[in-house]
């Protein structure tokens, strides 16, 4: 056997020893890099992400009307930067880049903390993005007001009107007594003798059934103030000084401003409802001879949204919602059945009018309308008076006339609007308006912007100057167009009625649902504008009616065909329009005649 030489063995040993000497530094290098990698990874996870989660993961209110656990999404805010040590920035970026959820939520180019995180309404705003939450962006927080602001008024219901005992009208959750259907004009269920000023209590009771109430105000898309503002002022409109008329409003504002919820947005996320026209809350001075209270002129109240049955074209803090009709269904099937019935009716009259003349009002066109109707063979007239025998005081007689007519004339009442317009549309009758403030600039949440799709506008100036024949104007509309318009009106019925407050429609959205959705959308948009720094420095409040008619995303206003209808008074201040206050006073006087 051949033996290795000592030289060869020594050479091999030295190579092995050399390799061993080189092996240990490499192991230490790899171990060090691996340790650094894990150190940085753990640092990134527990320090950076742990900080974000600790600040942004909400503890949710477990209460829900649906008896379900509704959770908001775990949210990593857009543009929120990662705080890194300067020497390790590049390594951290490399570690963060493979994480798709983080790279999408946190653009790597940002190096500053997102100021949006400082806004106290961010938690509520995040719920909008949670598609798995049926109440995301829809939560309502209701202030627990002292009972003097609402329930105590109902206990003193006899004092709510000078001429009407409101006690019977506050029964059945504000719907009033149930009506009989002796003449077959109504459905067998869902019909009540509802007072036209009862929205305060109807809306408040509907809110108690709202499916997205929350006890956690930080989740709320809007905050409801259950103050019966209409009932409050109704008690003191006649024979009381301004101190008495303003007392509850001032007390309410003082109470709200002391609440932590108010400080979030200074009241801009708050809303309340009043079942009266806006002019009852816009007293022009502190003279006892002036009309109403000054609720809507209070600085704090200007931040809130107030829903009224008639709003001001020149002010931005009120919004029109429908007058209540007599129909308050408890189920979708009741609505569908009524709509089908209105489609099948034969309508023998071309047009009709129910109302009383206004001989003391030189601007009223009711006298001309009554004369034209009397002279026409295709017009049905219910001329109203103050006597108890007048058929205008009978809901059955009025609804029967509307159901038998193609068009229903709706001139201004004592103020711009009338409950009659909603009774007519409920009957499937196409409304004819003579001023855009009677509907189009009022109920922008509930009516289509394309007013010609469901109604006819005839300028009251043309009627006053006898430049137009109403009969000829309506006869110019083809039967096919009339059928299309009537179908639009009938399809609108669910949005114009208030469902029974003791129940809830299954799939349909009623006037309450539409109004609440509009309020929450408005607050959400305002919050996003605040975050993104959007301000409309060119906003002109005296032209508020124009902004309500703008298309989505449109901000600029210009000349409008309705400008002549809304000319600002000669003194330059729309708020000092004394004719509006006079209209409110006349409206109140004519409650004796059911405001026909």
Protein backbone atom coordinates (compact mmCIF):
# COMPACT_ATOMS: atom_id res chain seq x y z
CA UNK A 1 0.00 0.00 0.00
CA UNK A 2 1.22 3.44 -0.89
CA UNK A 3 1.74 5.75 2.06
CA UNK A 4 1.07 9.47 1.96
CA UNK A 5 4.05 11.67 2.29
CA UNK A 6 4.26 13.90 5.34
CA UNK A 7 4.25 16.88 3.07
CA UNK A 8 0.92 15.97 1.53
CA UNK A 9 -0.71 15.36 4.87
CA UNK A 10 0.54 18.63 6.24
CA UNK A 11 -0.84 20.44 3.20
CA UNK A 12 -4.28 18.87 3.61
CA UNK A 13 -4.39 19.69 7.31
CA UNK A 14 -3.46 23.25 6.68
CA UNK A 15 -6.26 23.57 4.08
CA UNK A 16 -8.79 22.16 6.48
CA UNK A 17 -7.59 24.47 9.23
CA UNK A 18 -7.72 27.39 6.83
CA UNK A 19 -11.24 26.55 5.82
CA UNK A 20 -12.29 26.30 9.45
CA UNK A 21 -10.87 29.71 10.20
CA UNK A 22 -12.87 31.26 7.29
CA UNK A 23 -16.09 29.42 8.23
CA UNK A 24 -16.64 31.05 11.65
CA UNK A 25 -16.71 34.73 10.45
CA UNK A 26 -19.30 33.85 7.76
CA UNK A 27 -21.54 32.14 10.29
CA UNK A 28 -21.31 35.13 12.58
CA UNK A 29 -22.06 37.47 9.69
CA UNK A 30 -25.16 35.52 8.64
CA UNK A 31 -26.30 35.22 12.24
CA UNK A 32 -25.87 38.94 12.75
CA UNK A 33 -27.83 39.81 9.60
CA UNK A 34 -30.55 37.36 10.57
CA UNK A 35 -30.75 38.80 14.04
CA UNK A 36 -30.88 42.33 12.68
CA UNK A 37 -33.62 41.31 10.26
CA UNK A 38 -35.77 39.78 13.02
CA UNK A 39 -35.05 42.65 15.37
CA UNK A 40 -36.20 45.18 12.80
CA UNK A 41 -39.21 43.08 11.86
CA UNK A 42 -40.30 42.75 15.49
CA UNK A 43 -39.60 46.44 16.09
CA UNK A 44 -41.71 47.37 13.08
CA UNK A 45 -44.56 45.11 14.16
CA UNK A 46 -44.80 45.85 17.86
CA UNK A 47 -43.63 49.45 18.04
CA UNK A 48 -44.87 51.02 14.83
CA UNK A 49 -47.95 48.99 13.98
CA UNK A 50 -48.73 48.41 17.64
CA UNK A 51 -48.85 52.18 18.15
CA UNK A 52 -51.22 52.63 15.24
CA UNK A 53 -53.54 49.89 16.39
CA UNK A 54 -53.56 51.11 19.94
CA UNK A 55 -54.76 54.53 18.83
CA UNK A 56 -57.13 53.50 16.08
CA UNK A 57 -58.91 50.32 17.09
CA UNK A 58 -62.29 51.41 18.50
CA UNK A 59 -64.08 49.75 21.35
CA UNK A 60 -67.60 49.57 19.97
CA UNK A 61 -70.93 50.09 21.60
CA UNK A 62 -72.44 46.61 21.90
CA UNK A 63 -76.00 47.96 21.87
CA UNK A 64 -78.01 47.68 18.68
CA UNK A 65 -81.70 47.71 17.83
CA UNK A 66 -81.03 44.71 15.63
CA UNK A 67 -79.56 42.84 18.63
CA UNK A 68 -76.49 42.16 16.52
CA UNK A 69 -72.88 42.89 17.18
CA UNK A 70 -72.00 45.57 14.65
CA UNK A 71 -68.30 46.32 14.35
CA UNK A 72 -66.40 49.04 12.58
CA UNK A 73 -63.44 48.08 10.39
CA UNK A 74 -59.93 47.98 11.75
CA UNK A 75 -58.69 51.01 9.98
CA UNK A 76 -55.24 52.12 8.89
CA UNK A 77 -55.73 55.77 7.90
CA UNK A 78 -54.77 56.97 4.46
CA UNK A 79 -51.50 58.87 4.27
CA UNK A 80 -50.55 58.13 7.88
CA UNK A 81 -46.68 58.07 7.92
CA UNK A 82 -44.54 55.51 9.72
CA UNK A 83 -42.21 56.96 12.34
CA UNK A 84 -38.74 55.57 11.60
CA UNK A 85 -35.24 56.19 12.86
CA UNK A 86 -33.33 58.07 10.22
CA UNK A 87 -30.48 55.50 9.97
CA UNK A 88 -32.91 52.65 9.25
CA UNK A 89 -35.48 54.33 6.97
CA UNK A 90 -34.56 52.39 3.84
CA UNK A 91 -34.57 49.02 5.64
CA UNK A 92 -37.99 49.71 7.12
CA UNK A 93 -39.37 50.68 3.73
CA UNK A 94 -38.13 47.42 2.28
CA UNK A 95 -39.80 45.53 5.12
CA UNK A 96 -43.08 47.42 4.70
CA UNK A 97 -43.30 47.21 0.89
CA UNK A 98 -44.36 43.54 0.60
CA UNK A 99 -47.32 44.18 2.91
CA UNK A 100 -50.00 45.07 0.38
CA UNK A 101 -52.54 46.37 2.89
CA UNK A 102 -50.02 48.76 4.38
CA UNK A 103 -48.58 49.91 1.08
CA UNK A 104 -52.07 50.69 -0.19
CA UNK A 105 -53.12 52.56 2.91
CA UNK A 106 -49.84 54.43 3.48
CA UNK A 107 -48.21 55.91 0.37
CA UNK A 108 -44.43 55.78 0.91
CA UNK A 109 -43.91 59.34 -0.29
CA UNK A 110 -45.55 60.90 2.78
CA UNK A 111 -43.32 61.92 5.64
CA UNK A 112 -45.77 63.79 7.90
CA UNK A 113 -48.56 62.73 10.22
CA UNK A 114 -51.97 62.99 8.55
CA UNK A 115 -53.78 65.94 10.21
CA UNK A 116 -57.09 64.15 9.63
CA UNK A 117 -56.33 61.97 12.63
CA UNK A 118 -56.80 64.96 14.91
CA UNK A 119 -60.49 65.35 14.00
CA UNK A 120 -62.78 63.91 16.69
CA UNK A 121 -65.34 62.71 14.16
CA UNK A 122 -62.94 60.32 12.40
CA UNK A 123 -64.32 57.23 14.10
CA UNK A 124 -67.80 57.99 12.81
CA UNK A 125 -66.45 58.72 9.35
CA UNK A 126 -64.65 55.36 9.21
CA UNK A 127 -67.90 53.46 9.57
CA UNK A 128 -68.94 54.72 6.13
CA UNK A 129 -66.25 52.53 4.55
CA UNK A 130 -67.26 49.38 6.42
CA UNK A 131 -69.39 47.63 3.81
CA UNK A 132 -70.10 44.74 6.16
CA UNK A 133 -71.84 47.07 8.61
CA UNK A 134 -75.46 47.74 7.50
CA UNK A 135 -75.44 50.86 9.67
CA UNK A 136 -72.10 52.18 8.45
CA UNK A 137 -72.45 55.93 7.92
CA UNK A 138 -76.05 55.82 9.16
CA UNK A 139 -75.79 55.80 12.94
CA UNK A 140 -77.92 58.37 14.77
CA UNK A 141 -77.32 59.49 18.33
CA UNK A 142 -80.39 60.98 20.06
CA UNK A 143 -79.93 63.52 22.83
CA UNK A 144 -81.73 62.61 26.04
CA UNK A 145 -83.38 65.99 26.53
CA UNK A 146 -85.15 66.99 29.74
CA UNK A 147 -88.88 66.26 29.27
CA UNK A 148 -89.78 69.96 29.33
CA UNK A 149 -88.51 70.08 25.72
CA UNK A 150 -90.89 67.42 24.43
CA UNK A 151 -92.99 65.01 26.51
CA UNK A 152 -94.19 67.62 29.00
CA UNK A 153 -95.75 69.57 26.10
CA UNK A 154 -97.91 66.58 25.21
CA UNK A 155 -99.16 66.42 28.80
CA UNK A 156 -100.45 69.98 28.31
CA UNK A 157 -101.81 69.31 24.81
CA UNK A 158 -104.85 71.55 25.31
CA UNK A 159 -102.54 74.57 25.30
CA UNK A 160 -100.81 73.74 22.01
CA UNK A 161 -103.29 75.65 19.85
CA UNK A 162 -105.50 78.64 20.46
CA UNK A 163 -108.42 77.21 18.50
CA UNK A 164 -107.81 73.47 18.26
CA UNK A 165 -107.74 70.85 21.00
CA UNK A 166 -104.54 69.09 19.98
CA UNK A 167 -104.98 66.29 22.49
CA UNK A 168 -106.82 64.07 20.03
CA UNK A 169 -104.21 64.79 17.35
CA UNK A 170 -101.32 63.64 19.54
CA UNK A 171 -102.86 60.20 20.03
CA UNK A 172 -101.66 57.15 18.09
CA UNK A 173 -98.04 58.33 18.21
CA UNK A 174 -99.01 61.68 16.67
CA UNK A 175 -101.22 60.36 13.86
CA UNK A 176 -104.49 61.37 15.49
CA UNK A 177 -107.77 59.42 15.51
CA UNK A 178 -108.21 56.60 13.04
CA UNK A 179 -110.62 57.51 10.23
CA UNK A 180 -113.55 55.46 9.07
CA UNK A 181 -113.91 54.57 5.41
CA UNK A 182 -117.66 54.97 5.06
CA UNK A 183 -117.44 56.53 1.57
CA UNK A 184 -114.85 54.05 0.31
CA UNK A 185 -112.40 56.84 -0.47
CA UNK A 186 -109.60 55.50 1.75
CA UNK A 187 -108.11 52.10 2.37
CA UNK A 188 -109.49 50.07 5.25
CA UNK A 189 -106.27 50.49 7.26
CA UNK A 190 -103.59 53.14 7.72
CA UNK A 191 -105.74 56.29 7.56
CA UNK A 192 -105.83 58.86 10.37
CA UNK A 193 -107.16 62.37 10.98
CA UNK A 194 -103.63 63.79 11.14
CA UNK A 195 -103.07 67.44 11.96
CA UNK A 196 -100.85 69.18 9.43
CA UNK A 197 -98.57 70.53 12.20
CA UNK A 198 -97.98 67.19 13.94
CA UNK A 199 -94.61 66.35 12.35
CA UNK A 200 -92.75 67.09 15.60
CA UNK A 201 -94.20 64.10 17.41
CA UNK A 202 -94.55 61.86 14.33
CA UNK A 203 -90.89 62.29 13.42
CA UNK A 204 -89.78 61.86 17.02
CA UNK A 205 -91.67 58.59 17.37
CA UNK A 206 -90.38 57.32 14.03
CA UNK A 207 -86.86 57.99 15.27
CA UNK A 208 -87.47 55.63 18.18
CA UNK A 209 -87.93 52.84 15.60
CA UNK A 210 -84.86 53.79 13.54
CA UNK A 211 -82.71 50.71 13.02
CA UNK A 212 -79.34 52.43 13.41
CA UNK A 213 -79.63 54.22 16.74
CA UNK A 214 -76.48 54.21 18.88
CA UNK A 215 -75.63 55.11 22.46
CA UNK A 216 -72.09 55.93 21.36
CA UNK A 217 -72.06 59.45 19.92
CA UNK A 218 -68.56 58.96 18.47
CA UNK A 219 -70.12 56.58 15.92
CA UNK A 220 -72.93 58.91 14.93
CA UNK A 221 -73.30 60.16 11.38
CA UNK A 222 -75.64 62.82 12.83
CA UNK A 223 -77.14 63.78 16.17
CA UNK A 224 -80.88 64.24 16.60
CA UNK A 225 -82.34 66.82 18.97
CA UNK A 226 -85.90 65.70 19.90
CA UNK A 227 -87.15 69.21 20.68
CA UNK A 228 -90.80 69.81 19.76
CA UNK A 229 -90.01 73.26 18.34
CA UNK A 230 -93.33 73.58 16.51
CA UNK A 231 -95.42 72.67 19.53
CA UNK A 232 -93.33 75.01 21.68
CA UNK A 233 -93.93 78.15 19.61
CA UNK A 234 -97.58 77.24 18.95
CA UNK A 235 -98.28 77.76 22.66
CA UNK A 236 -97.10 81.38 22.68
CA UNK A 237 -97.75 82.92 19.26
CA UNK A 238 -100.68 85.00 20.48
CA UNK A 239 -100.74 87.18 23.59
CA UNK A 240 -97.23 86.45 24.87
CA UNK A 241 -94.12 88.63 24.96
CA UNK A 242 -90.86 87.74 23.27
CA UNK A 243 -89.31 86.49 26.53
CA UNK A 244 -91.91 83.76 26.78
CA UNK A 245 -91.68 82.93 23.07
CA UNK A 246 -87.88 82.64 23.17
CA UNK A 247 -87.47 80.96 26.56
CA UNK A 248 -87.43 77.30 25.50
CA UNK A 249 -85.22 77.96 22.46
CA UNK A 250 -82.62 79.81 24.54
CA UNK A 251 -82.78 77.13 27.21
CA UNK A 252 -82.31 74.39 24.62
CA UNK A 253 -79.27 76.04 23.03
CA UNK A 254 -77.72 76.56 26.45
CA UNK A 255 -78.27 72.88 27.31
CA UNK A 256 -76.80 71.67 24.01
CA UNK A 257 -73.69 73.81 24.15
CA UNK A 258 -72.75 72.27 27.50
CA UNK A 259 -72.83 68.76 26.05
CA UNK A 260 -69.58 67.10 24.86
CA UNK A 261 -71.31 66.07 21.61
CA UNK A 262 -71.75 69.72 20.68
CA UNK A 263 -68.02 70.47 20.83
CA UNK A 264 -67.23 67.92 18.13
CA UNK A 265 -68.49 70.14 15.29
CA UNK A 266 -70.04 73.10 17.07
CA UNK A 267 -73.50 71.71 16.37
CA UNK A 268 -73.05 71.27 12.61
CA UNK A 269 -73.81 67.57 12.95
CA UNK A 270 -77.03 68.25 14.92
CA UNK A 271 -80.55 68.40 13.49
CA UNK A 272 -84.08 68.92 14.79
CA UNK A 273 -87.60 68.92 13.36
CA UNK A 274 -90.42 71.45 13.58
CA UNK A 275 -93.81 70.82 12.04
CA UNK A 276 -94.42 74.47 11.21
CA UNK A 277 -93.27 76.93 8.56
CA UNK A 278 -89.87 78.57 8.95
CA UNK A 279 -91.32 82.07 9.43
CA UNK A 280 -92.62 81.09 12.87
CA UNK A 281 -88.97 80.83 13.98
CA UNK A 282 -87.54 83.93 12.29
CA UNK A 283 -88.70 86.91 14.29
CA UNK A 284 -87.31 90.02 12.67
CA UNK A 285 -86.74 92.12 15.78
CA UNK A 286 -87.11 92.11 19.56
CA UNK A 287 -90.37 94.00 19.40
CA UNK A 288 -93.32 92.26 21.03
CA UNK A 289 -95.40 93.17 18.01
CA UNK A 290 -93.21 91.07 15.71
CA UNK A 291 -94.17 87.51 14.88
CA UNK A 292 -92.74 84.25 16.23
CA UNK A 293 -89.55 83.46 18.08
CA UNK A 294 -85.92 83.81 16.99
CA UNK A 295 -84.81 80.16 17.17
CA UNK A 296 -83.43 80.10 13.63
CA UNK A 297 -81.59 83.39 14.12
CA UNK A 298 -79.70 82.22 17.21
CA UNK A 299 -75.96 81.87 16.40
CA UNK A 300 -75.80 78.30 17.71
CA UNK A 301 -78.98 77.28 15.91
CA UNK A 302 -77.56 78.53 12.62
CA UNK A 303 -75.06 75.67 12.83
CA UNK A 304 -77.79 73.06 13.20
CA UNK A 305 -80.06 71.77 10.45
CA UNK A 306 -83.74 72.37 11.08
CA UNK A 307 -86.33 70.40 9.13
CA UNK A 308 -89.56 72.34 8.62
CA UNK A 309 -92.65 71.93 6.43
CA UNK A 310 -91.71 75.18 4.67
CA UNK A 311 -88.17 76.52 4.46
CA UNK A 312 -86.77 79.94 3.59
CA UNK A 313 -85.38 80.46 0.07
CA UNK A 314 -82.85 82.93 1.48
CA UNK A 315 -81.42 81.01 4.44
CA UNK A 316 -79.18 77.96 4.67
CA UNK A 317 -80.04 76.43 8.04
CA UNK A 318 -83.51 75.04 7.27
CA UNK A 319 -84.75 72.31 4.92
CA UNK A 320 -88.23 71.47 3.70
CA UNK A 321 -89.87 68.12 4.49
CA UNK A 322 -93.39 67.05 3.47
CA UNK A 323 -96.50 67.99 5.38
CA UNK A 324 -98.10 64.86 6.87
CA UNK A 325 -101.00 63.42 4.89
CA UNK A 326 -103.79 61.21 6.22
CA UNK A 327 -102.11 57.97 5.07
CA UNK A 328 -99.68 56.22 7.43
CA UNK A 329 -99.18 52.62 6.31
CA UNK A 330 -97.65 49.98 8.55
CA UNK A 331 -96.65 47.59 5.76
CA UNK A 332 -95.31 47.79 2.23
CA UNK A 333 -98.35 45.90 0.96
CA UNK A 334 -100.62 48.75 2.03
CA UNK A 335 -98.61 51.18 -0.08
CA UNK A 336 -98.51 48.93 -3.15
CA UNK A 337 -102.25 48.32 -2.92
CA UNK A 338 -102.94 52.06 -2.74
CA UNK A 339 -100.67 52.82 -5.70
CA UNK A 340 -102.38 50.19 -7.86
CA UNK A 341 -105.75 51.63 -6.95
CA UNK A 342 -104.68 55.17 -7.95
CA UNK A 343 -103.43 53.89 -11.33
CA UNK A 344 -106.78 52.30 -12.19
CA UNK A 345 -109.05 55.23 -11.29
CA UNK A 346 -111.07 56.98 -13.99
CA UNK A 347 -110.56 60.74 -13.74
CA UNK A 348 -113.42 62.69 -15.27
CA UNK A 349 -112.18 66.18 -14.40
CA UNK A 350 -109.29 67.84 -16.22
CA UNK A 351 -108.40 69.94 -13.19
CA UNK A 352 -109.73 70.91 -9.77
CA UNK A 353 -109.21 73.34 -6.92
CA UNK A 354 -110.04 73.24 -3.23
CA UNK A 355 -109.53 76.47 -1.33
CA UNK A 356 -110.85 79.79 -0.16
CA UNK A 357 -110.25 83.20 -1.75
CA UNK A 358 -107.95 85.70 -0.05
CA UNK A 359 -109.70 89.03 -0.66
CA UNK A 360 -107.44 90.82 1.82
CA UNK A 361 -104.27 89.75 0.01
CA UNK A 362 -103.68 91.76 -3.16
CA UNK A 363 -100.92 89.35 -4.26
CA UNK A 364 -103.09 86.23 -4.07
CA UNK A 365 -104.25 84.69 -7.34
CA UNK A 366 -106.86 82.49 -5.70
CA UNK A 367 -109.68 84.75 -6.87
CA UNK A 368 -108.59 84.40 -10.51
CA UNK A 369 -108.17 80.62 -10.16
CA UNK A 370 -111.64 80.24 -8.65
CA UNK A 371 -113.13 82.32 -11.46
CA UNK A 372 -111.40 80.28 -14.17
CA UNK A 373 -112.56 77.06 -12.56
CA UNK A 374 -116.15 78.28 -12.33
CA UNK A 375 -116.12 79.21 -16.02
CA UNK A 376 -114.77 75.82 -17.12
CA UNK A 377 -116.84 72.72 -17.77
CA UNK A 378 -113.88 70.46 -16.99
CA UNK A 379 -112.94 71.88 -13.57
CA UNK A 380 -114.19 70.67 -10.20
CA UNK A 381 -114.29 73.29 -7.43
CA UNK A 382 -114.57 72.97 -3.66
CA UNK A 383 -114.87 76.58 -2.57
CA UNK A 384 -114.04 76.75 1.09
CA UNK A 385 -115.36 78.92 3.84
CA UNK A 386 -115.29 79.15 7.60
CA UNK A 387 -118.57 77.30 8.15
CA UNK A 388 -118.58 73.83 9.63
CA UNK A 389 -120.67 72.63 6.66
CA UNK A 390 -117.88 73.33 4.20
CA UNK A 391 -116.77 70.18 2.42
CA UNK A 392 -113.22 71.50 2.60
CA UNK A 393 -113.19 70.36 6.22
CA UNK A 394 -113.93 66.80 5.12
CA UNK A 395 -110.82 64.76 4.19
CA UNK A 396 -113.07 62.31 2.35
CA UNK A 397 -114.57 65.02 0.12
CA UNK A 398 -111.18 66.50 -0.71
CA UNK A 399 -109.54 63.16 -1.46
CA UNK A 400 -112.49 62.07 -3.58
CA UNK A 401 -112.16 65.21 -5.71
CA UNK A 402 -108.39 64.73 -6.12
CA UNK A 403 -108.90 61.11 -7.12
CA UNK A 404 -111.31 62.09 -9.89
CA UNK A 405 -109.04 64.79 -11.43
CA UNK A 406 -106.01 64.69 -13.72
CA UNK A 407 -104.53 67.97 -12.45
CA UNK A 408 -104.82 69.64 -9.05
CA UNK A 409 -104.21 73.40 -8.79
CA UNK A 410 -101.86 74.35 -5.94
CA UNK A 411 -101.39 78.11 -5.67
CA UNK A 412 -99.68 79.63 -2.66
CA UNK A 413 -101.54 79.32 0.62
CA UNK A 414 -101.03 81.99 3.23
CA UNK A 415 -97.34 81.24 2.78
CA UNK A 416 -95.58 79.55 -0.13
CA UNK A 417 -96.70 76.00 0.60
CA UNK A 418 -99.86 73.96 1.27
CA UNK A 419 -100.55 70.59 2.76
CA UNK A 420 -103.04 70.15 -0.06
CA UNK A 421 -100.21 69.54 -2.55
CA UNK A 422 -99.24 66.33 -0.74
CA UNK A 423 -102.84 65.18 -0.39
CA UNK A 424 -103.21 65.66 -4.15
CA UNK A 425 -100.07 63.69 -5.04
CA UNK A 426 -101.16 60.94 -2.64
CA UNK A 427 -104.32 60.72 -4.77
CA UNK A 428 -102.26 60.37 -7.95
CA UNK A 429 -103.25 63.86 -9.13
CA UNK A 430 -100.63 65.86 -11.05
CA UNK A 431 -99.96 69.11 -9.14
CA UNK A 432 -100.01 72.49 -10.88
CA UNK A 433 -97.84 75.04 -9.10
CA UNK A 434 -97.71 78.79 -9.65
CA UNK A 435 -94.53 79.61 -7.72
CA UNK A 436 -91.33 77.47 -7.53
CA UNK A 437 -91.15 78.00 -3.75
CA UNK A 438 -94.41 76.08 -3.37
CA UNK A 439 -92.51 72.84 -4.03
CA UNK A 440 -89.41 72.86 -6.24
CA UNK A 441 -87.05 74.84 -3.99
CA UNK A 442 -88.64 73.44 -0.83
CA UNK A 443 -88.60 69.66 -0.98
CA UNK A 444 -85.39 69.01 -2.91
CA UNK A 445 -84.76 65.82 -0.92
CA UNK A 446 -88.14 64.32 -1.73
CA UNK A 447 -89.09 65.56 -5.20
CA UNK A 448 -87.32 64.99 -8.55
CA UNK A 449 -85.19 67.90 -9.74
CA UNK A 450 -86.85 67.56 -13.14
CA UNK A 451 -90.07 69.23 -12.03
CA UNK A 452 -91.72 68.90 -15.44
CA UNK A 453 -91.67 65.12 -15.04
CA UNK A 454 -94.31 65.19 -12.31
CA UNK A 455 -95.91 68.66 -12.32
CA UNK A 456 -96.83 71.79 -14.26
CA UNK A 457 -95.58 75.30 -13.51
CA UNK A 458 -97.71 78.28 -14.57
CA UNK A 459 -96.38 81.68 -13.54
CA UNK A 460 -98.67 83.39 -11.08
CA UNK A 461 -97.86 86.68 -12.81
CA UNK A 462 -99.46 85.35 -16.00
CA UNK A 463 -102.57 84.34 -14.08
CA UNK A 464 -102.71 87.68 -12.26
CA UNK A 465 -102.44 89.60 -15.53
CA UNK A 466 -104.90 87.22 -17.23
CA UNK A 467 -102.29 86.23 -19.82
CA UNK A 468 -103.02 82.53 -19.56
CA UNK A 469 -105.97 80.18 -19.62
CA UNK A 470 -105.31 77.31 -17.22
CA UNK A 471 -107.68 75.03 -19.12
CA UNK A 472 -105.98 75.71 -22.47
CA UNK A 473 -102.53 75.27 -20.97
CA UNK A 474 -103.39 71.86 -19.51
CA UNK A 475 -105.19 70.70 -22.66
CA UNK A 476 -101.94 71.22 -24.57
CA UNK A 477 -100.38 68.29 -22.72
CA UNK A 478 -100.86 65.06 -24.67
CA UNK A 479 -102.69 62.08 -23.10
CA UNK A 480 -99.49 60.04 -23.34
CA UNK A 481 -97.54 62.70 -21.45
CA UNK A 482 -100.29 62.96 -18.84
CA UNK A 483 -100.12 59.21 -18.28
CA UNK A 484 -96.33 59.37 -17.86
CA UNK A 485 -96.56 62.25 -15.39
CA UNK A 486 -99.26 60.53 -13.35
CA UNK A 487 -97.12 57.39 -13.10
CA UNK A 488 -94.20 59.45 -11.80
CA UNK A 489 -96.47 61.03 -9.18
CA UNK A 490 -97.79 57.64 -8.06
CA UNK A 491 -94.27 56.22 -7.88
CA UNK A 492 -93.30 59.12 -5.57
CA UNK A 493 -95.98 58.33 -2.98
CA UNK A 494 -93.77 56.30 -0.59
CA UNK A 495 -91.27 59.18 -0.30
CA UNK A 496 -94.02 61.69 0.52
CA UNK A 497 -95.80 59.88 3.35
CA UNK A 498 -94.85 59.13 6.95
CA UNK A 499 -95.24 55.46 7.85
CA UNK A 500 -96.92 54.51 11.10
CA UNK A 501 -94.35 55.39 13.82
CA UNK A 502 -95.23 52.20 15.68
CA UNK A 503 -93.93 50.05 12.82
CA UNK A 504 -91.56 50.22 9.88
CA UNK A 505 -91.92 49.56 6.17
CA UNK A 506 -89.98 46.53 4.98
CA UNK A 507 -88.36 47.73 1.73
CA UNK A 508 -89.84 51.14 0.96
CA UNK A 509 -88.31 54.42 2.13
CA UNK A 510 -90.81 56.92 3.49
CA UNK A 511 -90.45 60.67 4.04
CA UNK A 512 -88.69 60.07 7.35
CA UNK A 513 -86.12 57.71 5.80
CA UNK A 514 -85.43 60.12 2.95
CA UNK A 515 -84.91 63.04 5.33
CA UNK A 516 -82.58 61.15 7.69
CA UNK A 517 -80.50 59.84 4.78
CA UNK A 518 -80.19 63.39 3.42
CA UNK A 519 -79.07 64.74 6.79
CA UNK A 520 -76.42 62.05 7.33
CA UNK A 521 -75.13 62.51 3.79
CA UNK A 522 -74.90 66.23 4.35
CA UNK A 523 -72.91 65.83 7.58
CA UNK A 524 -70.62 63.24 5.99
CA UNK A 525 -69.88 65.58 3.10
CA UNK A 526 -69.21 68.43 5.50
CA UNK A 527 -66.75 66.31 7.46
CA UNK A 528 -64.90 65.30 4.33
CA UNK A 529 -64.76 68.90 3.19
CA UNK A 530 -63.22 69.85 6.54
CA UNK A 531 -60.56 67.13 6.26
CA UNK A 532 -59.68 68.05 2.69
CA UNK A 533 -59.72 71.77 3.41
CA UNK A 534 -62.53 72.57 0.99
CA UNK A 535 -64.27 75.86 1.69
CA UNK A 536 -66.81 77.73 -0.38
CA UNK A 537 -65.75 81.29 0.35
CA UNK A 538 -68.09 82.54 -2.37
CA UNK A 539 -71.24 81.10 -0.80
CA UNK A 540 -74.10 83.61 -0.81
CA UNK A 541 -76.72 82.66 1.78
CA UNK A 542 -79.37 84.96 0.30
CA UNK A 543 -79.29 82.72 -2.79
CA UNK A 544 -79.65 79.47 -0.85
CA UNK A 545 -82.52 78.32 -3.07
CA UNK A 546 -80.15 78.15 -6.04
CA UNK A 547 -77.60 75.92 -4.31
CA UNK A 548 -80.27 73.35 -3.53
CA UNK A 549 -80.92 72.95 -7.27
CA UNK A 550 -77.28 72.38 -8.29
CA UNK A 551 -76.22 69.02 -9.68
CA UNK A 552 -73.83 66.76 -7.75
CA UNK A 553 -70.35 68.30 -7.69
CA UNK A 554 -71.52 71.61 -9.13
CA UNK A 555 -70.61 74.66 -7.04
CA UNK A 556 -70.98 77.71 -9.22
CA UNK A 557 -74.32 79.50 -9.42
CA UNK A 558 -75.47 81.92 -12.06
CA UNK A 559 -78.63 83.49 -13.51
CA UNK A 560 -81.74 81.33 -13.22
CA UNK A 561 -85.13 81.47 -14.89
CA UNK A 562 -86.75 81.71 -11.45
CA UNK A 563 -84.80 84.79 -10.35
CA UNK A 564 -87.87 87.06 -10.67
CA UNK A 565 -89.72 84.89 -8.14
CA UNK A 566 -87.04 85.38 -5.48
CA UNK A 567 -86.07 89.01 -5.74
CA UNK A 568 -84.45 90.23 -2.52
CA UNK A 569 -86.46 93.00 -0.82
CA UNK A 570 -85.47 96.56 -1.63
CA UNK A 571 -83.70 97.05 1.69
CA UNK A 572 -81.23 94.38 0.58
CA UNK A 573 -81.94 91.93 3.38
CA UNK A 574 -83.94 88.80 2.72
CA UNK A 575 -84.14 88.20 6.46
CA UNK A 576 -86.17 91.38 6.90
CA UNK A 577 -88.89 90.33 4.52
CA UNK A 578 -91.86 91.43 6.57
CA UNK A 579 -94.27 89.90 4.07
CA UNK A 580 -93.02 86.45 5.11
CA UNK A 581 -93.81 87.19 8.75
CA UNK A 582 -97.21 88.47 7.72
CA UNK A 583 -97.76 85.25 5.77
CA UNK A 584 -96.96 83.25 8.88
CA UNK A 585 -99.45 85.26 10.89
CA UNK A 586 -102.14 84.75 8.26
CA UNK A 587 -101.38 81.05 8.17
CA UNK A 588 -101.95 80.83 11.89
CA UNK A 589 -105.21 82.77 11.69
CA UNK A 590 -106.54 80.49 9.01
CA UNK A 591 -105.96 77.36 11.05
CA UNK A 592 -109.53 77.95 12.12
CA UNK A 593 -110.43 77.05 8.54
CA UNK A 594 -108.03 74.10 8.39
CA UNK A 595 -105.61 76.19 6.25
CA UNK A 596 -107.49 75.48 3.07
